[in-house]
Protein backbone atom coordinates (compact mmCIF):
# COMPACT_ATOMS: atom_id res chain seq x y z
CA MET A 1 -27.63 46.04 4.91
CA LYS A 2 -28.41 42.49 6.08
CA GLU A 3 -27.13 41.06 2.76
CA ALA A 4 -23.86 43.00 3.09
CA ILE A 5 -23.29 41.69 6.61
CA THR A 6 -24.16 38.13 5.55
CA GLU A 7 -21.74 38.33 2.62
CA ALA A 8 -18.98 39.73 4.87
CA VAL A 9 -19.43 36.90 7.39
CA ASP A 10 -19.49 34.25 4.64
CA THR A 11 -16.36 35.66 3.03
CA ALA A 12 -14.52 35.86 6.35
CA LEU A 13 -15.43 32.27 7.20
CA PHE A 14 -14.38 31.06 3.74
CA HIS A 15 -10.96 32.71 4.06
CA PHE A 16 -10.52 31.48 7.64
CA LEU A 17 -11.20 27.91 6.50
CA ALA A 18 -8.79 28.33 3.58
CA GLU A 19 -6.09 29.33 6.08
CA ILE A 20 -6.83 26.25 8.20
CA ASP A 21 -6.64 24.13 5.02
CA GLY A 22 -3.19 25.56 4.33
CA VAL A 23 -4.10 27.27 1.06
CA GLY A 24 -4.57 30.80 2.34
CA SER A 25 -2.18 33.63 1.60
CA MET A 26 -1.09 34.06 5.23
CA THR A 27 -0.33 30.41 6.04
CA LEU A 28 3.25 30.01 7.25
CA GLY A 29 2.93 26.61 8.88
CA ASP A 30 0.41 23.83 9.26
CA PHE A 31 -2.82 24.11 11.19
CA VAL A 32 -4.06 20.87 12.73
CA LEU A 33 -7.69 20.95 13.84
CA PHE A 34 -9.07 18.16 16.03
CA HIS A 35 -12.40 17.45 17.68
CA VAL A 36 -11.70 15.77 21.01
CA GLU A 37 -14.32 14.00 23.11
CA GLU A 38 -13.68 11.58 25.96
CA GLY A 39 -10.14 10.88 24.83
CA ASN A 40 -11.09 10.25 21.20
CA GLN A 41 -9.85 12.71 18.63
CA VAL A 42 -10.90 13.22 15.04
CA LEU A 43 -8.78 15.24 12.62
CA LEU A 44 -11.17 17.75 11.05
CA ASN A 45 -8.83 19.15 8.41
CA ASP A 46 -7.46 15.86 7.15
CA PRO A 47 -5.43 16.49 3.97
CA GLU A 48 -6.78 13.20 2.57
CA GLU A 49 -10.36 14.54 2.76
CA MET A 50 -12.20 17.46 1.18
CA ASP A 51 -10.78 20.84 2.22
CA LEU A 52 -12.93 22.68 4.73
CA HIS A 53 -13.31 25.75 2.50
CA ASP A 54 -14.46 23.50 -0.38
CA LEU A 55 -16.93 21.80 1.95
CA PHE A 56 -18.21 25.23 3.00
CA ASN A 57 -18.70 26.11 -0.68
CA ALA A 58 -20.52 22.87 -1.35
CA LEU A 59 -22.86 23.39 1.58
CA THR A 60 -23.55 27.09 0.98
CA LYS A 61 -23.08 27.30 -2.82
CA LYS A 62 -20.91 30.40 -2.33
CA HIS A 63 -17.55 31.54 -3.68
CA ASN A 64 -17.76 29.29 -6.76
């Protein structure tokens, strides 16, 4: 049961990140995700960098 729940969470997170990256099946516009601290902002889903769902795969070795 624990493995099934873990797999469900991993899959949901992967698909959520794919949507944020703009490659999911439900994406109609662009998502822009920033981290903001003390007036400084960093674009987390920069199209010039590795996609978040690919980074998730690289870190977890899942969905390959």
